[in-house]
């Protein structure tokens, strides 16, 4: 697995991140399908290392992943633009209300976890919930309102 991650990290960093994530098995399967090899981590790593065209094929998968992520964000922003054009105040401000609720809930939970004593059997649950709040809830809200780092990377790449 380390060899595959090293190879992907040099060629297609977003694929390397995806392989580590919860959909890692599906990503490895997609890469194996694109390269025409058996669906296993070792076979995919060998195919990437031995195929000079592998970088081109992986770049295409990487580009497809970025396009899918951009389309997802684009749809969310289009929804927000449509909501702002409505006359119903609740519909117009729903995403702001939702963001406010989860911001307060996250802040309260983080303060609770930081300043209270957690019984030993519950520490693992508290850590899991904290990781979910920080990694999913807060990150998603920040991505929605301020954008992701992909745009920044692309902007920096264009400057070079």
Protein backbone atom coordinates (compact mmCIF):
# COMPACT_ATOMS: atom_id res chain seq x y z
CA UNK A 1 0.00 0.00 0.00
CA UNK A 2 2.85 2.38 0.80
CA UNK A 3 4.36 1.88 -2.65
CA UNK A 4 1.01 2.65 -4.30
CA UNK A 5 0.56 5.79 -2.20
CA UNK A 6 4.10 6.96 -3.04
CA UNK A 7 3.52 6.46 -6.77
CA UNK A 8 0.11 8.13 -6.70
CA UNK A 9 1.40 11.00 -4.56
CA UNK A 10 3.86 11.93 -7.30
CA UNK A 11 1.42 11.56 -10.20
CA UNK A 12 -2.11 12.16 -8.89
CA UNK A 13 -2.22 13.50 -5.31
CA UNK A 14 -6.01 13.62 -5.07
CA UNK A 15 -6.14 9.93 -6.01
CA UNK A 16 -3.64 9.16 -3.25
CA UNK A 17 -5.90 10.97 -0.78
CA UNK A 18 -8.92 9.09 -2.11
CA UNK A 19 -7.16 5.71 -1.73
CA UNK A 20 -6.55 6.48 1.96
CA UNK A 21 -10.17 7.53 2.48
CA UNK A 22 -13.29 5.46 3.13
CA UNK A 23 -13.84 4.80 -0.60
CA UNK A 24 -10.27 3.54 -1.03
CA UNK A 25 -11.29 0.11 -2.31
CA UNK A 26 -13.49 1.62 -5.00
CA UNK A 27 -10.72 4.02 -6.03
CA UNK A 28 -8.21 1.18 -6.35
CA UNK A 29 -10.79 -0.74 -8.42
CA UNK A 30 -11.29 2.27 -10.71
CA UNK A 31 -7.54 2.64 -11.19
CA UNK A 32 -7.17 -1.09 -11.89
CA UNK A 33 -9.97 -0.86 -14.45
CA UNK A 34 -8.37 2.17 -16.13
CA UNK A 35 -4.98 0.42 -16.28
CA UNK A 36 -6.46 -2.94 -17.31
CA UNK A 37 -4.99 -4.96 -14.45
CA UNK A 38 -6.28 -7.23 -11.68
CA UNK A 39 -8.10 -5.43 -8.85
CA UNK A 40 -5.43 -5.50 -6.13
CA UNK A 41 -3.15 -2.92 -4.56
CA UNK A 42 0.02 -4.81 -5.58
CA UNK A 43 -1.08 -5.23 -9.22
CA UNK A 44 -2.04 -1.55 -9.49
CA UNK A 45 1.31 -0.47 -8.01
CA UNK A 46 3.21 -2.73 -10.44
CA UNK A 47 1.20 -1.42 -13.39
CA UNK A 48 1.86 2.21 -12.46
CA UNK A 49 5.58 1.60 -11.95
CA UNK A 50 5.96 -0.33 -15.20
CA UNK A 51 3.78 1.71 -17.57
CA UNK A 52 5.12 4.99 -18.97
CA UNK A 53 1.54 5.91 -19.98
CA UNK A 54 0.25 5.31 -16.43
CA UNK A 55 0.79 8.95 -15.50
CA UNK A 56 -1.43 10.07 -18.36
CA UNK A 57 -4.15 7.56 -17.47
CA UNK A 58 -4.02 8.51 -13.77
CA UNK A 59 -4.05 12.20 -14.62
CA UNK A 60 -7.32 11.61 -16.46
CA UNK A 61 -8.82 9.90 -13.39
CA UNK A 62 -7.48 12.73 -11.23
CA UNK A 63 -9.05 15.31 -13.55
CA UNK A 64 -12.37 13.46 -13.44
CA UNK A 65 -12.30 13.47 -9.62
CA UNK A 66 -11.62 17.21 -9.53
CA UNK A 67 -14.40 17.87 -12.05
CA UNK A 68 -16.86 15.85 -9.95
CA UNK A 69 -15.90 17.76 -6.80
CA UNK A 70 -16.24 21.08 -8.61
CA UNK A 71 -19.66 20.10 -10.01
CA UNK A 72 -20.82 19.21 -6.49
CA UNK A 73 -19.77 22.62 -5.16
CA UNK A 74 -21.21 24.35 -8.22
CA UNK A 75 -24.63 22.77 -7.59
CA UNK A 76 -24.60 23.84 -3.94
CA UNK A 77 -23.78 27.42 -4.89
CA UNK A 78 -26.43 27.44 -7.63
CA UNK A 79 -28.95 26.27 -5.04
CA UNK A 80 -27.93 29.13 -2.76
CA UNK A 81 -28.31 31.68 -5.58
CA UNK A 82 -31.82 30.36 -6.33
CA UNK A 83 -32.72 30.48 -2.62
CA UNK A 84 -31.61 34.10 -2.34
CA UNK A 85 -34.01 35.07 -5.14
CA UNK A 86 -37.06 33.77 -3.23
CA UNK A 87 -39.39 36.00 -1.25
CA UNK A 88 -39.68 33.50 1.64
CA UNK A 89 -37.24 34.68 4.31
CA UNK A 90 -36.75 31.24 5.88
CA UNK A 91 -35.89 29.62 2.52
CA UNK A 92 -33.65 32.54 1.66
CA UNK A 93 -31.65 32.21 4.88
CA UNK A 94 -31.87 28.45 5.51
CA UNK A 95 -28.19 27.72 4.78
CA UNK A 96 -27.22 30.57 7.09
CA UNK A 97 -29.44 29.18 9.85
CA UNK A 98 -28.06 25.68 9.32
CA UNK A 99 -24.48 26.95 9.39
CA UNK A 100 -25.19 28.98 12.53
CA UNK A 101 -26.74 25.97 14.30
CA UNK A 102 -23.82 23.66 13.49
CA UNK A 103 -21.25 26.34 14.33
CA UNK A 104 -22.77 26.81 17.78
CA UNK A 105 -23.19 23.05 18.29
CA UNK A 106 -19.56 22.44 17.28
CA UNK A 107 -18.25 25.22 19.54
CA UNK A 108 -20.28 23.94 22.51
CA UNK A 109 -19.13 20.35 21.95
CA UNK A 110 -15.48 21.38 21.56
CA UNK A 111 -15.69 23.46 24.76
CA UNK A 112 -17.35 20.56 26.58
CA UNK A 113 -14.71 18.06 25.42
CA UNK A 114 -11.91 20.46 26.30
CA UNK A 115 -13.02 21.59 29.75
CA UNK A 116 -14.98 18.67 31.21
CA UNK A 117 -13.92 15.30 32.53
CA UNK A 118 -14.93 12.45 30.23
CA UNK A 119 -15.42 9.02 31.85
CA UNK A 120 -12.76 6.59 30.59
CA UNK A 121 -15.20 4.26 28.75
CA UNK A 122 -16.60 7.24 26.80
CA UNK A 123 -13.33 8.83 25.64
CA UNK A 124 -13.28 6.90 22.37
CA UNK A 125 -16.85 8.01 21.53
CA UNK A 126 -16.04 11.60 22.42
CA UNK A 127 -12.95 11.51 20.17
CA UNK A 128 -14.92 9.99 17.30
CA UNK A 129 -17.64 12.63 17.52
CA UNK A 130 -15.04 15.40 17.77
CA UNK A 131 -13.27 14.07 14.67
CA UNK A 132 -16.58 13.94 12.78
CA UNK A 133 -17.49 17.48 13.78
CA UNK A 134 -14.10 18.91 12.82
CA UNK A 135 -13.46 16.78 9.75
CA UNK A 136 -16.92 16.82 8.24
CA UNK A 137 -19.24 19.43 9.67
CA UNK A 138 -16.81 22.32 10.09
CA UNK A 139 -14.83 21.50 6.95
CA UNK A 140 -18.00 21.29 4.84
CA UNK A 141 -19.30 24.62 6.14
CA UNK A 142 -15.98 26.34 5.46
CA UNK A 143 -15.81 24.78 1.99
CA UNK A 144 -19.36 25.92 1.18
CA UNK A 145 -18.93 29.51 2.31
CA UNK A 146 -15.27 30.13 1.47
CA UNK A 147 -14.38 27.51 -1.17
CA UNK A 148 -11.85 24.70 -1.08
CA UNK A 149 -8.10 24.70 -1.47
CA UNK A 150 -8.38 23.21 -4.99
CA UNK A 151 -9.11 26.65 -6.43
CA UNK A 152 -6.11 28.08 -4.58
CA UNK A 153 -3.85 25.33 -5.92
CA UNK A 154 -5.06 25.94 -9.48
CA UNK A 155 -4.60 29.70 -9.10
CA UNK A 156 -1.04 29.20 -7.82
CA UNK A 157 -0.26 26.75 -10.65
CA UNK A 158 -1.40 29.33 -13.24
CA UNK A 159 1.01 31.92 -11.79
CA UNK A 160 4.03 29.68 -12.44
